[in-house]
Amino acid sequence: MAKIERHLDILTAPPSPEYFRQKTSEGWTLAGIEWQREIEITARNRGLSSPPFGTRVAEDRIHLVGDPPEMEVLRTIMGLIVKEISFSTIAEELNLRGHLTRDGHRWTQTSVYCMLPRLIEIGPDIIKHEEWPRQKQLASKH
């Protein structure tokens, strides 16, 4: 099997037909095209994102602090997952309790599923929290 050699040409102008003929005659085949353009810098594309679910930016605008309503949602989801309740039923329960997603929408099984990475990250803290026994008990009523 032959080894593939790759080469990147940085162009300062659009390539001419002669450029393509020369590359082809040298044995190169076109493998891809990369496009770029200038964009206006905004908070969204500056790499700033919203804080992890369950936290919010503190008044000092430097630190993150717990967001009690979101932490309640995380504890509820965790408690129901421990009881092996389905994601669709968890979503129904969150909606019955009046919880909305961060975007202000009703919970769906997909939005509950999307919380799994956050639950994995914060799960140990939830279990250590003083509210966990109460939350677990509420979930057991299910």
Protein backbone atom coordinates (compact mmCIF):
# COMPACT_ATOMS: atom_id res chain seq x y z
CA MET A 1 0.00 0.00 0.00
CA ALA A 2 1.33 3.43 -0.95
CA LYS A 3 1.88 6.18 1.57
CA ILE A 4 -0.17 9.36 1.15
CA GLU A 5 1.77 12.63 1.11
CA ARG A 6 -0.16 15.81 1.95
CA HIS A 7 0.82 19.41 1.27
CA LEU A 8 -0.95 22.62 2.24
CA ASP A 9 -0.58 25.67 0.03
CA ILE A 10 -1.39 28.99 1.69
CA LEU A 11 -2.92 31.15 -1.05
CA THR A 12 -3.06 34.91 -1.13
CA ALA A 13 -5.30 34.98 -4.21
CA PRO A 14 -7.78 32.60 -5.83
CA PRO A 15 -5.98 29.78 -7.67
CA SER A 16 -5.69 30.06 -11.45
CA PRO A 17 -6.34 27.25 -13.93
CA GLU A 18 -2.55 27.10 -14.45
CA TYR A 19 -2.06 26.43 -10.73
CA PHE A 20 -4.36 23.39 -10.97
CA ARG A 21 -2.64 22.13 -14.17
CA GLN A 22 0.79 22.40 -12.53
CA LYS A 23 -0.28 20.55 -9.38
CA THR A 24 -1.98 17.82 -11.43
CA SER A 25 1.10 17.38 -13.63
CA GLU A 26 3.17 16.95 -10.43
CA GLY A 27 0.90 14.05 -9.43
CA TRP A 28 -1.20 15.86 -6.84
CA THR A 29 -4.96 15.32 -6.54
CA LEU A 30 -7.29 17.78 -4.89
CA ALA A 31 -8.24 16.49 -1.42
CA GLY A 32 -10.18 19.43 0.01
CA ILE A 33 -10.81 23.15 0.04
CA GLU A 34 -10.70 25.34 3.13
CA TRP A 35 -12.57 28.65 3.19
CA GLN A 36 -12.06 31.58 5.53
CA ARG A 37 -13.51 35.04 6.00
CA GLU A 38 -13.29 37.87 8.48
CA ILE A 39 -16.07 38.08 11.04
CA GLU A 40 -17.04 40.59 13.67
CA ILE A 41 -15.95 39.59 17.17
CA THR A 42 -18.91 39.07 19.51
CA ALA A 43 -19.26 37.47 22.93
CA ARG A 44 -20.59 34.31 21.29
CA ASN A 45 -17.63 33.76 18.95
CA ARG A 46 -15.07 35.11 21.42
CA GLY A 47 -15.30 31.75 23.13
CA LEU A 48 -17.52 32.94 25.95
CA SER A 49 -20.26 30.54 26.83
CA SER A 50 -22.87 30.31 29.48
CA PRO A 51 -21.81 28.87 32.83
CA PRO A 52 -22.39 25.18 33.51
CA PHE A 53 -25.96 24.26 34.37
CA GLY A 54 -26.47 24.67 38.11
CA THR A 55 -24.25 27.76 38.32
CA ARG A 56 -24.46 31.43 37.43
CA VAL A 57 -21.98 34.29 37.25
CA ALA A 58 -21.56 35.99 40.65
CA GLU A 59 -22.17 39.70 41.16
CA ASP A 60 -18.40 40.30 41.00
CA ARG A 61 -18.55 39.00 37.40
CA ILE A 62 -15.48 36.87 38.11
CA HIS A 63 -16.69 33.81 40.00
CA LEU A 64 -19.41 31.24 39.51
CA VAL A 65 -21.91 30.57 42.29
CA GLY A 66 -24.60 27.95 42.66
CA ASP A 67 -27.98 28.60 41.07
CA PRO A 68 -30.52 27.09 43.51
CA PRO A 69 -33.37 26.44 41.03
CA GLU A 70 -31.00 24.75 38.56
CA MET A 71 -29.38 22.72 41.33
CA GLU A 72 -32.86 21.56 42.35
CA VAL A 73 -33.39 20.35 38.77
CA LEU A 74 -30.06 18.49 38.80
CA ARG A 75 -30.84 16.85 42.15
CA THR A 76 -34.29 15.84 40.89
CA ILE A 77 -32.88 14.33 37.69
CA MET A 78 -30.18 12.51 39.66
CA GLY A 79 -32.70 11.14 42.16
CA LEU A 80 -34.99 9.85 39.42
CA ILE A 81 -32.13 8.34 37.42
CA VAL A 82 -31.05 6.46 40.55
CA LYS A 83 -34.59 5.02 40.63
CA GLU A 84 -34.19 4.00 36.95
CA ILE A 85 -36.99 6.30 35.80
CA SER A 86 -37.10 6.93 32.03
CA PHE A 87 -35.97 10.25 30.60
CA SER A 88 -39.45 10.99 29.28
CA THR A 89 -40.95 10.42 32.74
CA ILE A 90 -38.23 12.57 34.32
CA ALA A 91 -39.11 15.34 31.85
CA GLU A 92 -42.80 15.03 32.76
CA GLU A 93 -41.93 15.24 36.48
CA LEU A 94 -39.77 18.35 36.00
CA ASN A 95 -42.59 19.99 34.04
CA LEU A 96 -45.15 19.06 36.70
CA ARG A 97 -42.93 20.69 39.32
CA GLY A 98 -42.84 23.88 37.21
CA HIS A 99 -39.18 23.68 36.21
CA LEU A 100 -38.16 25.07 32.83
CA THR A 101 -34.94 24.61 30.88
CA ARG A 102 -32.41 27.43 30.93
CA ASP A 103 -33.91 28.59 27.61
CA GLY A 104 -37.36 28.79 29.22
CA HIS A 105 -38.77 25.70 27.49
CA ARG A 106 -40.54 22.68 28.91
CA TRP A 107 -38.32 19.67 29.59
CA THR A 108 -38.19 16.86 27.03
CA GLN A 109 -36.52 13.48 27.20
CA THR A 110 -33.77 14.92 24.96
CA SER A 111 -33.15 17.92 27.22
CA VAL A 112 -32.94 15.56 30.21
CA TYR A 113 -30.52 13.33 28.29
CA CYS A 114 -28.36 16.37 27.47
CA MET A 115 -27.91 16.93 31.23
CA LEU A 116 -26.04 13.61 31.62
CA PRO A 117 -22.54 15.06 31.05
CA ARG A 118 -23.25 17.74 33.66
CA LEU A 119 -24.62 15.14 36.09
CA ILE A 120 -21.48 13.05 35.66
CA GLU A 121 -19.40 16.13 36.40
CA ILE A 122 -21.37 17.33 39.42
CA GLY A 123 -22.84 14.02 40.63
CA PRO A 124 -20.38 13.51 43.50
CA ASP A 125 -21.17 17.00 44.83
CA ILE A 126 -24.91 16.33 44.61
CA ILE A 127 -24.61 13.10 46.59
CA LYS A 128 -22.51 14.83 49.28
CA HIS A 129 -24.96 17.76 49.56
CA GLU A 130 -27.24 17.99 52.59
CA GLU A 131 -30.31 18.06 50.30
CA TRP A 132 -29.53 14.66 48.73
CA PRO A 133 -31.37 12.47 51.29
CA ARG A 134 -34.53 14.61 50.91
CA GLN A 135 -34.23 14.61 47.14
CA LYS A 136 -33.71 10.85 47.07
CA GLN A 137 -36.80 10.41 49.24
CA LEU A 138 -38.88 12.62 46.92
CA ALA A 139 -37.71 10.54 43.98
CA SER A 140 -38.68 7.32 45.76
CA LYS A 141 -42.31 8.47 45.80
CA HIS A 142 -42.25 7.96 42.06
